[in-house]
Amino acid sequence: MYLYHGNKADEGNVRESFLVNQLSYNQTVEISKMSDFFVNNKYTIECGGKNKTGEQIKSLENAFIAADGIETGTGSKKTIMAIRLSVLIKYFYRIYSTAIIRYFFL
């Protein structure tokens, strides 16, 4: 995006591209009719900035806002970086849990 648009890349596109890139590593990510993404046929995720409200997803179950520009999340509003961290934890757990099991039990 920055290659073609320089500093004028759309901030929303950057957020959504980052999030789908991170989630699609080990999740099934689809485009949602009600928001931005539908993950693992269960979670609805709406991307936005710090002022994004939950109005768009308030009637949906398992719906979250992935917000940029906030340090901590509250309720259904999570930071994009916290979502990234949970993906990394699952990745490293999968790799190292096998190593730990081998070390202690084999």
Protein backbone atom coordinates (compact mmCIF):
# COMPACT_ATOMS: atom_id res chain seq x y z
CA MET A 1 0.00 0.00 0.00
CA TYR A 2 2.76 2.40 0.90
CA LEU A 3 4.60 1.46 -2.26
CA TYR A 4 1.79 2.86 -4.41
CA HIS A 5 0.44 5.60 -2.17
CA GLY A 6 3.40 6.68 -0.05
CA ASN A 7 2.31 8.45 3.13
CA LYS A 8 -1.22 8.77 1.73
CA ALA A 9 -2.14 5.09 2.25
CA ASP A 10 -5.60 4.73 3.77
CA GLU A 11 -5.24 4.08 7.50
CA GLY A 12 -8.28 1.78 7.58
CA ASN A 13 -6.86 -0.38 4.80
CA VAL A 14 -3.55 -0.63 6.64
CA ARG A 15 -5.30 -1.73 9.86
CA GLU A 16 -7.44 -4.32 8.11
CA SER A 17 -4.54 -5.68 6.06
CA PHE A 18 -2.41 -6.03 9.18
CA LEU A 19 -5.16 -7.78 11.11
CA VAL A 20 -6.09 -10.24 8.37
CA ASN A 21 -2.40 -10.99 7.83
CA GLN A 22 -1.89 -11.80 11.50
CA LEU A 23 -5.09 -13.79 11.99
CA SER A 24 -4.93 -15.80 8.79
CA TYR A 25 -1.70 -17.44 9.91
CA ASN A 26 -3.58 -19.97 12.03
CA GLN A 27 -7.25 -18.98 11.77
CA THR A 28 -9.91 -19.09 9.07
CA VAL A 29 -10.72 -15.49 8.14
CA GLU A 30 -13.64 -14.54 5.92
CA ILE A 31 -15.21 -11.26 4.93
CA SER A 32 -18.32 -10.57 6.99
CA LYS A 33 -21.58 -9.06 5.77
CA MET A 34 -22.10 -7.37 9.14
CA SER A 35 -18.58 -6.10 9.83
CA ASP A 36 -15.02 -6.50 8.55
CA PHE A 37 -14.14 -10.12 9.31
CA PHE A 38 -15.69 -13.40 10.42
CA VAL A 39 -13.11 -15.65 12.10
CA ASN A 40 -13.39 -19.43 12.53
CA ASN A 41 -17.13 -19.30 11.75
CA LYS A 42 -17.65 -17.85 15.22
CA TYR A 43 -16.11 -14.41 15.87
CA THR A 44 -17.06 -11.16 14.22
CA ILE A 45 -14.32 -8.53 14.18
CA GLU A 46 -14.71 -4.90 13.23
CA CYS A 47 -11.51 -2.91 12.69
CA GLY A 48 -11.22 0.73 13.61
CA GLY A 49 -9.39 3.51 15.37
CA LYS A 50 -9.60 4.65 18.95
CA ASN A 51 -12.97 6.34 18.41
CA LYS A 52 -14.68 3.27 16.88
CA THR A 53 -17.90 2.49 18.72
CA GLY A 54 -19.65 -0.84 19.10
CA GLU A 55 -22.80 0.37 17.38
CA GLN A 56 -22.20 -1.72 14.26
CA ILE A 57 -21.75 -4.98 16.19
CA LYS A 58 -23.95 -4.45 19.24
CA SER A 59 -26.57 -7.01 18.17
CA LEU A 60 -24.03 -9.73 17.30
CA GLU A 61 -22.72 -12.50 19.54
CA ASN A 62 -18.97 -13.05 19.82
CA ALA A 63 -18.29 -9.67 18.24
CA PHE A 64 -15.23 -7.55 18.91
CA ILE A 65 -13.65 -4.31 17.83
CA ALA A 66 -9.96 -4.48 16.95
CA ALA A 67 -8.89 -0.92 17.66
CA ASP A 68 -5.72 0.88 16.77
CA GLY A 69 -4.45 3.84 18.75
CA ILE A 70 -5.42 2.55 22.21
CA GLU A 71 -3.13 1.10 24.85
CA THR A 72 -5.59 -1.19 26.60
CA GLY A 73 -8.91 -2.66 25.60
CA THR A 74 -12.14 -2.74 27.56
CA GLY A 75 -15.16 -4.97 27.08
CA SER A 76 -15.46 -6.00 23.46
CA LYS A 77 -12.87 -3.43 22.31
CA LYS A 78 -9.43 -5.01 22.02
CA THR A 79 -6.16 -3.56 20.82
CA ILE A 80 -4.89 -4.81 17.50
CA MET A 81 -1.55 -5.54 19.15
CA ALA A 82 -3.19 -7.70 21.85
CA ILE A 83 -4.78 -9.79 19.12
CA ARG A 84 -1.35 -10.13 17.50
CA LEU A 85 0.13 -11.20 20.83
CA SER A 86 -2.49 -13.93 21.29
CA VAL A 87 -1.65 -15.29 17.82
CA LEU A 88 2.05 -15.38 18.74
CA ILE A 89 1.37 -17.10 22.06
CA LYS A 90 -0.64 -19.82 20.33
CA TYR A 91 2.13 -20.23 17.76
CA PHE A 92 4.93 -20.55 20.32
CA TYR A 93 2.83 -22.76 22.57
CA ARG A 94 2.28 -25.18 19.71
CA ILE A 95 6.02 -25.29 18.95
CA TYR A 96 7.37 -25.37 22.48
CA SER A 97 4.69 -27.55 24.08
CA THR A 98 5.92 -30.44 21.93
CA ALA A 99 9.50 -29.74 23.00
CA ILE A 100 8.49 -29.56 26.69
CA ILE A 101 6.56 -32.81 26.47
CA ARG A 102 9.54 -34.53 24.83
CA TYR A 103 11.92 -33.16 27.45
CA PHE A 104 9.88 -34.23 30.47
CA PHE A 105 8.10 -37.36 29.30
CA LEU A 106 10.14 -39.06 26.58
